[in-house]
Amino acid sequence: MHISLKTTGSRDTARASLTSLLSTMKLAIIITLAILALCCSPASAEICQSFAGVIQGLFLGTPASFEAAVEPFNPDADMKAAATQLKTLVDFLPKNTKDSILKLMDKIAKSPLCA
């Protein structure tokens, strides 16, 4: 008796899910960098430090610590839900990717453009 397992469909589904996840993570990183660029202007040195705390919570903190870092900015319910979703997506990034993004953001925050 020969039993044939059909794995092509599950592989295709897994591949599609991974592709979708990678696209979503790229979008999350782009959004984060764009927000940092907008917040880091010569007139906003203090905001840059607060925003750096939010970014650190996003990439290194727990969901609860990230929520606590965002709270001083008084987000509405939709913003909180989006921030929670962003944190979930970022948590799927490999550690070396998170570390590289944090180094880039630290470099941006310490640059003359953000002072």
Protein backbone atom coordinates (compact mmCIF):
# COMPACT_ATOMS: atom_id res chain seq x y z
CA MET A 1 0.00 0.00 0.00
CA HIS A 2 1.36 3.41 -0.99
CA ILE A 3 0.29 6.55 0.85
CA SER A 4 0.86 9.84 -0.89
CA LEU A 5 1.02 12.98 1.18
CA LYS A 6 0.17 16.23 -0.48
CA THR A 7 2.67 18.79 0.81
CA THR A 8 2.82 21.18 -2.12
CA GLY A 9 -0.25 23.10 -0.95
CA SER A 10 1.04 23.54 2.59
CA ARG A 11 4.47 24.64 1.32
CA ASP A 12 2.86 27.20 -0.95
CA THR A 13 0.72 28.46 1.91
CA ALA A 14 3.77 28.71 4.20
CA ARG A 15 5.77 30.48 1.48
CA ALA A 16 2.93 32.97 0.90
CA SER A 17 2.63 33.60 4.66
CA LEU A 18 6.37 34.20 4.98
CA THR A 19 6.37 36.56 1.99
CA SER A 20 3.46 38.47 3.48
CA LEU A 21 5.19 38.66 6.89
CA LEU A 22 8.43 39.94 5.34
CA SER A 23 6.54 42.62 3.40
CA THR A 24 4.76 43.69 6.56
CA MET A 25 8.04 43.85 8.50
CA LYS A 26 9.62 45.98 5.78
CA LEU A 27 6.65 48.33 5.99
CA ALA A 28 6.99 48.51 9.79
CA ILE A 29 10.66 49.44 9.51
CA ILE A 30 9.99 52.07 6.84
CA ILE A 31 7.22 53.63 8.94
CA THR A 32 9.45 53.68 12.02
CA LEU A 33 12.31 55.35 10.14
CA ALA A 34 9.94 57.89 8.57
CA ILE A 35 8.52 58.81 11.97
CA LEU A 36 12.02 59.21 13.36
CA ALA A 37 12.96 61.47 10.46
CA LEU A 38 9.91 63.65 11.06
CA CYS A 39 10.51 63.90 14.80
CA CYS A 40 14.20 64.62 14.49
CA SER A 41 14.42 68.24 13.46
CA PRO A 42 16.71 70.95 14.86
CA ALA A 43 13.83 72.28 16.97
CA SER A 44 12.98 68.95 18.55
CA ALA A 45 16.02 67.70 20.46
CA GLU A 46 13.92 66.87 23.51
CA ILE A 47 11.37 64.99 21.42
CA CYS A 48 14.19 63.03 19.80
CA GLN A 49 15.21 61.68 23.23
CA SER A 50 11.63 60.72 24.10
CA PHE A 51 11.18 59.17 20.70
CA ALA A 52 14.43 57.25 21.17
CA GLY A 53 12.86 55.73 24.28
CA VAL A 54 9.82 54.68 22.28
CA ILE A 55 12.02 53.13 19.58
CA GLN A 56 14.11 51.32 22.18
CA GLY A 57 10.90 49.95 23.70
CA LEU A 58 9.71 48.94 20.26
CA PHE A 59 12.82 46.96 19.41
CA LEU A 60 14.08 45.80 22.82
CA GLY A 61 11.24 46.07 25.31
CA THR A 62 8.28 43.99 26.24
CA PRO A 63 4.84 44.85 24.88
CA ALA A 64 4.01 46.43 28.27
CA SER A 65 7.18 48.55 28.37
CA PHE A 66 6.56 49.70 24.80
CA GLU A 67 3.00 50.72 25.69
CA ALA A 68 4.35 52.62 28.71
CA ALA A 69 6.88 54.46 26.50
CA VAL A 70 4.15 55.47 24.04
CA GLU A 71 1.63 56.57 26.69
CA PRO A 72 3.12 60.08 27.36
CA PHE A 73 2.22 60.97 23.75
CA ASN A 74 -1.50 60.40 24.54
CA PRO A 75 -2.33 58.04 21.68
CA ASP A 76 -6.00 57.41 20.92
CA ALA A 77 -7.42 53.88 20.79
CA ASP A 78 -6.61 53.41 17.09
CA MET A 79 -3.03 54.58 17.62
CA LYS A 80 -2.62 52.20 20.57
CA ALA A 81 -3.94 49.29 18.50
CA ALA A 82 -1.58 50.17 15.64
CA ALA A 83 1.36 50.48 18.04
CA THR A 84 0.57 47.06 19.50
CA GLN A 85 0.43 45.58 16.02
CA LEU A 86 3.73 47.25 15.10
CA LYS A 87 5.36 45.84 18.26
CA THR A 88 4.11 42.36 17.34
CA LEU A 89 5.58 42.66 13.85
CA VAL A 90 8.91 44.00 15.10
CA ASP A 91 9.18 41.13 17.58
CA PHE A 92 9.44 38.76 14.60
CA LEU A 93 12.57 40.49 13.26
CA PRO A 94 15.89 38.68 13.78
CA LYS A 95 18.02 40.07 16.62
CA ASN A 96 20.81 41.25 14.29
CA THR A 97 18.28 43.23 12.24
CA LYS A 98 16.89 44.88 15.39
CA ASP A 99 20.42 45.72 16.55
CA SER A 100 21.33 47.28 13.20
CA ILE A 101 18.16 49.38 13.14
CA LEU A 102 18.84 50.61 16.67
CA LYS A 103 22.41 51.56 15.71
CA LEU A 104 21.10 53.49 12.72
CA MET A 105 18.50 55.30 14.81
CA ASP A 106 21.07 56.14 17.48
CA LYS A 107 23.34 57.54 14.78
CA ILE A 108 20.47 59.62 13.38
CA ALA A 109 19.46 60.90 16.82
CA LYS A 110 23.04 61.96 17.59
CA SER A 111 23.66 63.60 14.24
CA PRO A 112 23.83 67.41 13.88
CA LEU A 113 20.52 67.23 11.98
CA CYS A 114 18.79 66.06 15.15
CA ALA A 115 20.59 68.19 17.72
